[in-house]
Every structure is written in C-alpha cells, then in structure tokens.
C-alpha cells in the first residue's frame, strides 16, 4: 500500500483454535501453559506474516487470557485488539 492512495479495505479472518477447545492427551491444551503458549507464539507469527497487511483481522475462537492477548499484540503492533 502507498500512503495517500485510496485502496479497498482488506479484511480477513483466521481461526486460532482456543486452547480450551483443543483436546490433548485426554485433557485440554489450556491445562498445559507451555503447550498453548508455544502454539500461540507460532500462530501469532503465522497470522502476522500471512495476514499482517490486512486492515482488519478477525480472530475466531479467541482465548481470553492476558498472556495469549500479549503474544498477539506483540506480533501485530500496528493492529488494535478489540475483544
């Protein structure tokens, strides 16, 4: 995108699969901080690389944990998180 040039908005969406919903070894991924924090970092990196140029990114199946939120905010600093 070039500054000053009108462009069409670029919305996109991605399902991040909330750790509460992901089954792991008879339990939930949300029961193991190390597992879901690592996946959150990988997922946030993917979203930033693949969708970071979009104006709006709707993240489905959001996990309402402050550490999860921070990972995504750190990887997408030009976007504002509204949950």
C-alpha atoms as a PDB file:
ATOM      1  CA  UNK A   1       0.000   0.000   0.000  1.00  0.00           C
ATOM      2  CA  UNK A   2       1.103   3.503  -0.685  1.00  0.00           C
ATOM      3  CA  UNK A   3       0.353   6.388   1.629  1.00  0.00           C
ATOM      4  CA  UNK A   4      -2.202   8.829   0.320  1.00  0.00           C
ATOM      5  CA  UNK A   5      -3.593   6.401  -2.241  1.00  0.00           C
ATOM      6  CA  UNK A   6      -7.136   5.191  -1.606  1.00  0.00           C
ATOM      7  CA  UNK A   7      -7.415   1.420  -1.598  1.00  0.00           C
ATOM      8  CA  UNK A   8     -10.166  -1.028  -0.822  1.00  0.00           C
ATOM      9  CA  UNK A   9     -10.201  -2.243   2.775  1.00  0.00           C
ATOM     10  CA  UNK A  10      -8.610  -5.628   3.278  1.00  0.00           C
ATOM     11  CA  UNK A  11     -10.476  -7.674   5.892  1.00  0.00           C
ATOM     12  CA  UNK A  12      -9.544 -11.253   6.703  1.00  0.00           C
ATOM     13  CA  UNK A  13     -10.180 -13.890   9.338  1.00  0.00           C
ATOM     14  CA  UNK A  14      -8.373 -16.789  10.942  1.00  0.00           C
ATOM     15  CA  UNK A  15      -9.447 -19.458  13.414  1.00  0.00           C
ATOM     16  CA  UNK A  16      -6.836 -19.611  16.180  1.00  0.00           C
ATOM     17  CA  UNK A  17      -8.486 -22.616  17.922  1.00  0.00           C
ATOM     18  CA  UNK A  18      -8.903 -21.612  21.530  1.00  0.00           C
ATOM     19  CA  UNK A  19      -6.813 -23.859  23.825  1.00  0.00           C
ATOM     20  CA  UNK A  20      -9.934 -24.596  25.886  1.00  0.00           C
ATOM     21  CA  UNK A  21     -11.388 -26.386  22.852  1.00  0.00           C
ATOM     22  CA  UNK A  22      -8.261 -28.290  21.778  1.00  0.00           C
ATOM     23  CA  UNK A  23      -8.048 -31.842  23.145  1.00  0.00           C
ATOM     24  CA  UNK A  24      -4.581 -33.065  24.108  1.00  0.00           C
ATOM     25  CA  UNK A  25      -3.851 -36.470  25.671  1.00  0.00           C
ATOM     26  CA  UNK A  26      -7.240 -36.836  27.312  1.00  0.00           C
ATOM     27  CA  UNK A  27      -7.311 -33.248  28.565  1.00  0.00           C
ATOM     28  CA  UNK A  28      -7.389 -29.740  27.205  1.00  0.00           C
ATOM     29  CA  UNK A  29      -4.473 -27.810  25.807  1.00  0.00           C
ATOM     30  CA  UNK A  30      -5.381 -24.958  28.175  1.00  0.00           C
ATOM     31  CA  UNK A  31      -4.357 -27.202  31.098  1.00  0.00           C
ATOM     32  CA  UNK A  32      -0.698 -27.005  29.994  1.00  0.00           C
ATOM     33  CA  UNK A  33       0.632 -23.453  29.796  1.00  0.00           C
ATOM     34  CA  UNK A  34       3.796 -24.471  27.955  1.00  0.00           C
ATOM     35  CA  UNK A  35       1.781 -26.123  25.172  1.00  0.00           C
ATOM     36  CA  UNK A  36      -0.648 -23.339  24.494  1.00  0.00           C
ATOM     37  CA  UNK A  37       1.891 -20.539  24.932  1.00  0.00           C
ATOM     38  CA  UNK A  38       4.166 -22.174  22.341  1.00  0.00           C
ATOM     39  CA  UNK A  39       1.290 -22.665  19.916  1.00  0.00           C
ATOM     40  CA  UNK A  40       0.110 -19.097  20.492  1.00  0.00           C
ATOM     41  CA  UNK A  41       3.562 -17.809  19.532  1.00  0.00           C
ATOM     42  CA  UNK A  42       3.600 -19.930  16.355  1.00  0.00           C
ATOM     43  CA  UNK A  43       0.037 -18.943  15.468  1.00  0.00           C
ATOM     44  CA  UNK A  44       0.636 -15.239  16.075  1.00  0.00           C
ATOM     45  CA  UNK A  45       3.770 -15.386  13.907  1.00  0.00           C
ATOM     46  CA  UNK A  46       1.788 -17.043  11.116  1.00  0.00           C
ATOM     47  CA  UNK A  47      -1.045 -14.508  11.353  1.00  0.00           C
ATOM     48  CA  UNK A  48       1.431 -11.610  11.321  1.00  0.00           C
ATOM     49  CA  UNK A  49       3.316 -12.994   8.323  1.00  0.00           C
ATOM     50  CA  UNK A  50       0.317 -14.144   6.308  1.00  0.00           C
ATOM     51  CA  UNK A  51      -2.304 -11.531   7.211  1.00  0.00           C
ATOM     52  CA  UNK A  52      -0.397  -8.630   8.752  1.00  0.00           C
ATOM     53  CA  UNK A  53      -1.005  -6.385   5.741  1.00  0.00           C
ATOM     54  CA  UNK A  54      -4.771  -6.645   6.147  1.00  0.00           C
ATOM     55  CA  UNK A  55      -6.682  -3.720   7.634  1.00  0.00           C
ATOM     56  CA  UNK A  56      -8.884  -5.926   9.796  1.00  0.00           C
ATOM     57  CA  UNK A  57      -8.147  -9.444  11.018  1.00  0.00           C
ATOM     58  CA  UNK A  58     -10.969 -11.292  12.778  1.00  0.00           C
ATOM     59  CA  UNK A  59      -9.502 -13.961  15.030  1.00  0.00           C
ATOM     60  CA  UNK A  60     -12.048 -16.669  15.733  1.00  0.00           C
ATOM     61  CA  UNK A  61     -12.083 -18.872  18.845  1.00  0.00           C
ATOM     62  CA  UNK A  62     -10.183 -16.321  20.910  1.00  0.00           C
ATOM     63  CA  UNK A  63      -8.671 -17.335  24.275  1.00  0.00           C
ATOM     64  CA  UNK A  64      -9.329 -14.699  26.959  1.00  0.00           C
ATOM     65  CA  UNK A  65      -6.025 -14.979  28.791  1.00  0.00           C
ATOM     66  CA  UNK A  66      -3.796 -11.906  29.130  1.00  0.00           C
ATOM     67  CA  UNK A  67      -0.681 -13.850  28.090  1.00  0.00           C
ATOM     68  CA  UNK A  68      -2.406 -15.019  24.887  1.00  0.00           C
ATOM     69  CA  UNK A  69      -3.501 -11.461  24.147  1.00  0.00           C
ATOM     70  CA  UNK A  70       0.029 -10.097  24.716  1.00  0.00           C
ATOM     71  CA  UNK A  71       1.554 -12.587  22.273  1.00  0.00           C
ATOM     72  CA  UNK A  72      -0.793 -11.463  19.506  1.00  0.00           C
ATOM     73  CA  UNK A  73      -0.466  -7.757  20.347  1.00  0.00           C
ATOM     74  CA  UNK A  74       3.334  -8.037  20.279  1.00  0.00           C
ATOM     75  CA  UNK A  75       3.298  -9.765  16.875  1.00  0.00           C
ATOM     76  CA  UNK A  76       0.730  -7.369  15.377  1.00  0.00           C
ATOM     77  CA  UNK A  77       1.792  -3.970  16.790  1.00  0.00           C
ATOM     78  CA  UNK A  78       0.057  -1.940  14.054  1.00  0.00           C
ATOM     79  CA  UNK A  79      -3.302  -3.570  14.776  1.00  0.00           C
ATOM     80  CA  UNK A  80      -5.587  -2.785  17.698  1.00  0.00           C
ATOM     81  CA  UNK A  81      -7.122  -5.694  19.553  1.00  0.00           C
ATOM     82  CA  UNK A  82     -10.815  -5.431  20.308  1.00  0.00           C
ATOM     83  CA  UNK A  83     -12.344  -8.352  22.153  1.00  0.00           C
END
